[in-house]
Each structure stands twice: as structure tokens, then as C-alpha cells.
Amino acid sequence: MKEVNLTNKQVIQLRKMAGKTQEKAANDLHQKDGAFWRKFENGTRDISSSQVELFCLKNNIVYPPF
């Protein structure tokens, strides 16, 4: 698997490409609420390559997205 390091802005772009709210994006990663995803967007948590890949697969987005 290719290592992908997304910036906060890219995480926001990725979610918007999928047309998802923060809550729906978090649900795609098997999390219950949008707070999980908000941490990626505000930079308090890094999104892993496997999480990016899963999100892309579930939303028919080419991996790596950027």
C-alpha cells in the first residue's frame, strides 16, 4: 500500500469530493459521530493511509486521491 499523508485541506477536499458531512464521513470509517472526522480536518489527529484508502473505496474515489 502506498503511504499517503494528507493535509487538513486535502482531508476537507476528500470529504467534499464524496459529498459527505463530517458525520457520514466518520461513519464510512466505522465511527459513530462527526467528532472523529473533525479531528482530521482541524489537525488534532492524522488520517492514516489505510483510512484514506477505505474512505476512497467506499466512495468510488481513485486512490491515492491527490
PDB file of N, CA and C in Angstrom:
ATOM      1  N   MET A   1       0.846  -1.177   0.000  1.00  0.00           N
ATOM      2  CA  MET A   1       0.000   0.000   0.000  1.00  0.00           C
ATOM      3  C   MET A   1       0.889   1.238   0.000  1.00  0.00           C
ATOM      4  N   LYS A   2       0.503   2.202  -0.802  1.00  0.00           N
ATOM      5  CA  LYS A   2       1.247   3.458  -0.879  1.00  0.00           C
ATOM      6  C   LYS A   2       0.938   4.317   0.343  1.00  0.00           C
ATOM      7  N   GLU A   3       1.972   4.895   0.951  1.00  0.00           N
ATOM      8  CA  GLU A   3       1.805   5.788   2.103  1.00  0.00           C
ATOM      9  C   GLU A   3       1.286   7.140   1.611  1.00  0.00           C
ATOM     10  N   VAL A   4       0.196   7.596   2.205  1.00  0.00           N
ATOM     11  CA  VAL A   4      -0.421   8.858   1.828  1.00  0.00           C
ATOM     12  C   VAL A   4      -0.507   9.737   3.064  1.00  0.00           C
ATOM     13  N   ASN A   5      -0.008  10.948   2.968  1.00  0.00           N
ATOM     14  CA  ASN A   5      -0.087  11.913   4.064  1.00  0.00           C
ATOM     15  C   ASN A   5      -0.867  13.120   3.570  1.00  0.00           C
ATOM     16  N   LEU A   6      -2.100  13.244   4.022  1.00  0.00           N
ATOM     17  CA  LEU A   6      -2.951  14.340   3.570  1.00  0.00           C
ATOM     18  C   LEU A   6      -2.858  15.534   4.519  1.00  0.00           C
ATOM     19  N   THR A   7      -2.919  16.711   3.950  1.00  0.00           N
ATOM     20  CA  THR A   7      -3.012  17.923   4.753  1.00  0.00           C
ATOM     21  C   THR A   7      -4.458  18.072   5.228  1.00  0.00           C
ATOM     22  N   ASN A   8      -4.669  18.982   6.153  1.00  0.00           N
ATOM     23  CA  ASN A   8      -6.031  19.253   6.642  1.00  0.00           C
ATOM     24  C   ASN A   8      -6.931  19.659   5.482  1.00  0.00           C
ATOM     25  N   LYS A   9      -6.429  20.522   4.613  1.00  0.00           N
ATOM     26  CA  LYS A   9      -7.225  20.986   3.474  1.00  0.00           C
ATOM     27  C   LYS A   9      -7.573  19.847   2.532  1.00  0.00           C
ATOM     28  N   GLN A  10      -6.648  18.904   2.348  1.00  0.00           N
ATOM     29  CA  GLN A  10      -6.922  17.754   1.482  1.00  0.00           C
ATOM     30  C   GLN A  10      -7.977  16.840   2.103  1.00  0.00           C
ATOM     31  N   VAL A  11      -7.968  16.713   3.423  1.00  0.00           N
ATOM     32  CA  VAL A  11      -8.985  15.897   4.101  1.00  0.00           C
ATOM     33  C   VAL A  11     -10.366  16.516   3.867  1.00  0.00           C
ATOM     34  N   ILE A  12     -10.443  17.825   3.968  1.00  0.00           N
ATOM     35  CA  ILE A  12     -11.711  18.519   3.705  1.00  0.00           C
ATOM     36  C   ILE A  12     -12.129  18.302   2.251  1.00  0.00           C
ATOM     37  N   GLN A  13     -11.185  18.451   1.324  1.00  0.00           N
ATOM     38  CA  GLN A  13     -11.465  18.245  -0.102  1.00  0.00           C
ATOM     39  C   GLN A  13     -11.957  16.823  -0.354  1.00  0.00           C
ATOM     40  N   LEU A  14     -11.325  15.851   0.281  1.00  0.00           N
ATOM     41  CA  LEU A  14     -11.692  14.453   0.093  1.00  0.00           C
ATOM     42  C   LEU A  14     -13.140  14.224   0.527  1.00  0.00           C
ATOM     43  N   ARG A  15     -13.496  14.751   1.684  1.00  0.00           N
ATOM     44  CA  ARG A  15     -14.869  14.599   2.182  1.00  0.00           C
ATOM     45  C   ARG A  15     -15.856  15.263   1.234  1.00  0.00           C
ATOM     46  N   LYS A  16     -15.512  16.442   0.751  1.00  0.00           N
ATOM     47  CA  LYS A  16     -16.403  17.162  -0.162  1.00  0.00           C
ATOM     48  C   LYS A  16     -16.513  16.459  -1.515  1.00  0.00           C
ATOM     49  N   MET A  17     -15.416  15.835  -1.959  1.00  0.00           N
ATOM     50  CA  MET A  17     -15.458  15.058  -3.209  1.00  0.00           C
ATOM     51  C   MET A  17     -16.487  13.938  -3.099  1.00  0.00           C
ATOM     52  N   ALA A  18     -16.604  13.381  -1.903  1.00  0.00           N
ATOM     53  CA  ALA A  18     -17.548  12.297  -1.665  1.00  0.00           C
ATOM     54  C   ALA A  18     -18.961  12.817  -1.400  1.00  0.00           C
ATOM     55  N   GLY A  19     -19.091  14.130  -1.196  1.00  0.00           N
ATOM     56  CA  GLY A  19     -20.393  14.709  -0.920  1.00  0.00           C
ATOM     57  C   GLY A  19     -20.929  14.318   0.453  1.00  0.00           C
ATOM     58  N   LYS A  20     -20.028  14.185   1.427  1.00  0.00           N
ATOM     59  CA  LYS A  20     -20.397  13.709   2.759  1.00  0.00           C
ATOM     60  C   LYS A  20     -20.305  14.813   3.799  1.00  0.00           C
ATOM     61  N   THR A  21     -21.137  14.697   4.827  1.00  0.00           N
ATOM     62  CA  THR A  21     -20.975  15.510   6.029  1.00  0.00           C
ATOM     63  C   THR A  21     -19.852  14.884   6.839  1.00  0.00           C
ATOM     64  N   GLN A  22     -19.396  15.581   7.866  1.00  0.00           N
ATOM     65  CA  GLN A  22     -18.364  15.010   8.732  1.00  0.00           C
ATOM     66  C   GLN A  22     -18.869  13.737   9.403  1.00  0.00           C
ATOM     67  N   GLU A  23     -20.132  13.722   9.791  1.00  0.00           N
ATOM     68  CA  GLU A  23     -20.702  12.533  10.435  1.00  0.00           C
ATOM     69  C   GLU A  23     -20.744  11.346   9.485  1.00  0.00           C
ATOM     70  N   LYS A  24     -21.196  11.574   8.256  1.00  0.00           N
ATOM     71  CA  LYS A  24     -21.268  10.484   7.273  1.00  0.00           C
ATOM     72  C   LYS A  24     -19.869   9.994   6.895  1.00  0.00           C
ATOM     73  N   ALA A  25     -18.900  10.915   6.818  1.00  0.00           N
ATOM     74  CA  ALA A  25     -17.520  10.528   6.518  1.00  0.00           C
ATOM     75  C   ALA A  25     -16.971   9.653   7.646  1.00  0.00           C
ATOM     76  N   ALA A  26     -17.251  10.032   8.888  1.00  0.00           N
ATOM     77  CA  ALA A  26     -16.808   9.233  10.035  1.00  0.00           C
ATOM     78  C   ALA A  26     -17.467   7.865  10.017  1.00  0.00           C
ATOM     79  N   ASN A  27     -18.743   7.811   9.646  1.00  0.00           N
ATOM     80  CA  ASN A  27     -19.452   6.528   9.557  1.00  0.00           C
ATOM     81  C   ASN A  27     -18.773   5.593   8.561  1.00  0.00           C
ATOM     82  N   ASP A  28     -18.241   6.142   7.471  1.00  0.00           N
ATOM     83  CA  ASP A  28     -17.535   5.316   6.484  1.00  0.00           C
ATOM     84  C   ASP A  28     -16.305   4.642   7.089  1.00  0.00           C
ATOM     85  N   LEU A  29     -15.764   5.236   8.153  1.00  0.00           N
ATOM     86  CA  LEU A  29     -14.601   4.659   8.834  1.00  0.00           C
ATOM     87  C   LEU A  29     -15.020   3.945  10.118  1.00  0.00           C
ATOM     88  N   HIS A  30     -16.303   3.580  10.180  1.00  0.00           N
ATOM     89  CA  HIS A  30     -16.863   2.811  11.299  1.00  0.00           C
ATOM     90  C   HIS A  30     -16.816   3.557  12.624  1.00  0.00           C
ATOM     91  N   GLN A  31     -16.994   4.883  12.562  1.00  0.00           N
ATOM     92  CA  GLN A  31     -17.057   5.715  13.756  1.00  0.00           C
ATOM     93  C   GLN A  31     -18.470   6.268  13.881  1.00  0.00           C
ATOM     94  N   LYS A  32     -18.888   6.557  15.107  1.00  0.00           N
ATOM     95  CA  LYS A  32     -20.283   6.912  15.353  1.00  0.00           C
ATOM     96  C   LYS A  32     -20.646   8.360  15.086  1.00  0.00           C
ATOM     97  N   ASP A  33     -19.702   9.286  15.219  1.00  0.00           N
ATOM     98  CA  ASP A  33     -20.086  10.688  15.030  1.00  0.00           C
ATOM     99  C   ASP A  33     -19.008  11.495  14.313  1.00  0.00           C
ATOM    100  N   GLY A  34     -19.386  12.702  13.937  1.00  0.00           N
ATOM    101  CA  GLY A  34     -18.507  13.565  13.162  1.00  0.00           C
ATOM    102  C   GLY A  34     -17.294  14.074  13.908  1.00  0.00           C
ATOM    103  N   ALA A  35     -17.280  13.972  15.234  1.00  0.00           N
ATOM    104  CA  ALA A  35     -16.125  14.455  16.009  1.00  0.00           C
ATOM    105  C   ALA A  35     -14.849  13.744  15.584  1.00  0.00           C
ATOM    106  N   PHE A  36     -14.945  12.473  15.249  1.00  0.00           N
ATOM    107  CA  PHE A  36     -13.791  11.696  14.787  1.00  0.00           C
ATOM    108  C   PHE A  36     -13.210  12.337  13.529  1.00  0.00           C
ATOM    109  N   TRP A  37     -14.062  12.652  12.564  1.00  0.00           N
ATOM    110  CA  TRP A  37     -13.608  13.242  11.303  1.00  0.00           C
ATOM    111  C   TRP A  37     -13.133  14.675  11.500  1.00  0.00           C
ATOM    112  N   ARG A  38     -13.798  15.441  12.372  1.00  0.00           N
ATOM    113  CA  ARG A  38     -13.401  16.829  12.628  1.00  0.00           C
ATOM    114  C   ARG A  38     -11.956  16.916  13.106  1.00  0.00           C
ATOM    115  N   LYS A  39     -11.499  15.915  13.845  1.00  0.00           N
ATOM    116  CA  LYS A  39     -10.109  15.904  14.321  1.00  0.00           C
ATOM    117  C   LYS A  39      -9.129  15.832  13.157  1.00  0.00           C
ATOM    118  N   PHE A  40      -9.501  15.140  12.087  1.00  0.00           N
ATOM    119  CA  PHE A  40      -8.654  15.114  10.889  1.00  0.00           C
ATOM    120  C   PHE A  40      -8.619  16.497  10.248  1.00  0.00           C
ATOM    121  N   GLU A  41      -9.788  17.116  10.163  1.00  0.00           N
ATOM    122  CA  GLU A  41      -9.898  18.399   9.480  1.00  0.00           C
ATOM    123  C   GLU A  41      -9.255  19.546  10.256  1.00  0.00           C
ATOM    124  N   ASN A  42      -9.255  19.467  11.587  1.00  0.00           N
ATOM    125  CA  ASN A  42      -8.645  20.564  12.354  1.00  0.00           C
ATOM    126  C   ASN A  42      -7.201  20.270  12.750  1.00  0.00           C
ATOM    127  N   GLY A  43      -6.674  19.111  12.349  1.00  0.00           N
ATOM    128  CA  GLY A  43      -5.263  18.806  12.546  1.00  0.00           C
ATOM    129  C   GLY A  43      -4.882  18.231  13.899  1.00  0.00           C
ATOM    130  N   THR A  44      -5.860  17.857  14.722  1.00  0.00           N
ATOM    131  CA  THR A  44      -5.519  17.265  16.016  1.00  0.00           C
ATOM    132  C   THR A  44      -5.291  15.764  15.914  1.00  0.00           C
ATOM    133  N   ARG A  45      -5.594  15.194  14.756  1.00  0.00           N
ATOM    134  CA  ARG A  45      -5.366  13.768  14.522  1.00  0.00           C
ATOM    135  C   ARG A  45      -5.010  13.579  13.053  1.00  0.00           C
ATOM    136  N   ASP A  46      -4.045  12.709  12.780  1.00  0.00           N
ATOM    137  CA  ASP A  46      -3.671  12.403  11.399  1.00  0.00           C
ATOM    138  C   ASP A  46      -4.536  11.265  10.883  1.00  0.00           C
ATOM    139  N   ILE A  47      -4.930  11.364   9.615  1.00  0.00           N
ATOM    140  CA  ILE A  47      -5.667  10.282   8.977  1.00  0.00           C
ATOM    141  C   ILE A  47      -4.643   9.325   8.368  1.00  0.00           C
ATOM    142  N   SER A  48      -4.788   8.053   8.646  1.00  0.00           N
ATOM    143  CA  SER A  48      -3.816   7.070   8.159  1.00  0.00           C
ATOM    144  C   SER A  48      -4.083   6.723   6.696  1.00  0.00           C
ATOM    145  N   SER A  49      -3.084   6.158   6.061  1.00  0.00           N
ATOM    146  CA  SER A  49      -3.226   5.735   4.669  1.00  0.00           C
ATOM    147  C   SER A  49      -4.339   4.712   4.514  1.00  0.00           C
ATOM    148  N   SER A  50      -4.445   3.799   5.468  1.00  0.00           N
ATOM    149  CA  SER A  50      -5.495   2.772   5.377  1.00  0.00           C
ATOM    150  C   SER A  50      -6.883   3.396   5.520  1.00  0.00           C
ATOM    151  N   GLN A  51      -7.009   4.439   6.337  1.00  0.00           N
ATOM    152  CA  GLN A  51      -8.294   5.126   6.467  1.00  0.00           C
ATOM    153  C   GLN A  51      -8.636   5.875   5.181  1.00  0.00           C
ATOM    154  N   VAL A  52      -7.655   6.503   4.575  1.00  0.00           N
ATOM    155  CA  VAL A  52      -7.877   7.198   3.302  1.00  0.00           C
ATOM    156  C   VAL A  52      -8.292   6.186   2.245  1.00  0.00           C
ATOM    157  N   GLU A  53      -7.595   5.057   2.190  1.00  0.00           N
ATOM    158  CA  GLU A  53      -7.904   4.043   1.196  1.00  0.00           C
ATOM    159  C   GLU A  53      -9.323   3.504   1.382  1.00  0.00           C
ATOM    160  N   LEU A  54      -9.706   3.201   2.612  1.00  0.00           N
ATOM    161  CA  LEU A  54     -11.050   2.707   2.894  1.00  0.00           C
ATOM    162  C   LEU A  54     -12.099   3.735   2.481  1.00  0.00           C
ATOM    163  N   PHE A  55     -11.878   4.986   2.855  1.00  0.00           N
ATOM    164  CA  PHE A  55     -12.818   6.041   2.503  1.00  0.00           C
ATOM    165  C   PHE A  55     -12.951   6.151   0.980  1.00  0.00           C
ATOM    166  N   CYS A  56     -11.836   6.102   0.277  1.00  0.00           N
ATOM    167  CA  CYS A  56     -11.868   6.177  -1.184  1.00  0.00           C
ATOM    168  C   CYS A  56     -12.625   4.993  -1.781  1.00  0.00           C
ATOM    169  N   LEU A  57     -12.365   3.812  -1.284  1.00  0.00           N
ATOM    170  CA  LEU A  57     -13.058   2.625  -1.791  1.00  0.00           C
ATOM    171  C   LEU A  57     -14.564   2.731  -1.594  1.00  0.00           C
ATOM    172  N   LYS A  58     -14.972   3.169  -0.425  1.00  0.00           N
ATOM    173  CA  LYS A  58     -16.406   3.263  -0.118  1.00  0.00           C
ATOM    174  C   LYS A  58     -17.099   4.360  -0.917  1.00  0.00           C
ATOM    175  N   ASN A  59     -16.337   5.299  -1.438  1.00  0.00           N
ATOM    176  CA  ASN A  59     -16.930   6.434  -2.138  1.00  0.00           C
ATOM    177  C   ASN A  59     -16.538   6.512  -3.605  1.00  0.00           C
ATOM    178  N   ASN A  60     -15.986   5.436  -4.134  1.00  0.00           N
ATOM    179  CA  ASN A  60     -15.601   5.360  -5.548  1.00  0.00           C
ATOM    180  C   ASN A  60     -14.688   6.509  -5.970  1.00  0.00           C
ATOM    181  N   ILE A  61     -13.707   6.777  -5.137  1.00  0.00           N
ATOM    182  CA  ILE A  61     -12.701   7.811  -5.414  1.00  0.00           C
ATOM    183  C   ILE A  61     -11.377   7.094  -5.675  1.00  0.00           C
ATOM    184  N   VAL A  62     -10.686   7.484  -6.725  1.00  0.00           N
ATOM    185  CA  VAL A  62      -9.408   6.867  -7.064  1.00  0.00           C
ATOM    186  C   VAL A  62      -8.418   7.084  -5.929  1.00  0.00           C
ATOM    187  N   TYR A  63      -7.718   5.997  -5.555  1.00  0.00           N
ATOM    188  CA  TYR A  63      -6.703   6.059  -4.509  1.00  0.00           C
ATOM    189  C   TYR A  63      -5.329   5.985  -5.158  1.00  0.00           C
ATOM    190  N   PRO A  64      -4.383   6.802  -4.761  1.00  0.00           N
ATOM    191  CA  PRO A  64      -4.483   7.932  -3.840  1.00  0.00           C
ATOM    192  C   PRO A  64      -5.232   9.089  -4.485  1.00  0.00           C
ATOM    193  N   PRO A  65      -5.989   9.833  -3.678  1.00  0.00           N
ATOM    194  CA  PRO A  65      -6.849  10.882  -4.233  1.00  0.00           C
ATOM    195  C   PRO A  65      -6.118  12.134  -4.697  1.00  0.00           C
ATOM    196  N   PHE A  66      -4.887  12.366  -4.208  1.00  0.00           N
ATOM    197  CA  PHE A  66      -4.152  13.583  -4.572  1.00  0.00           C
ATOM    198  C   PHE A  66      -2.736  13.232  -4.949  1.00  0.00           C
TER     199      PHE A  66
END
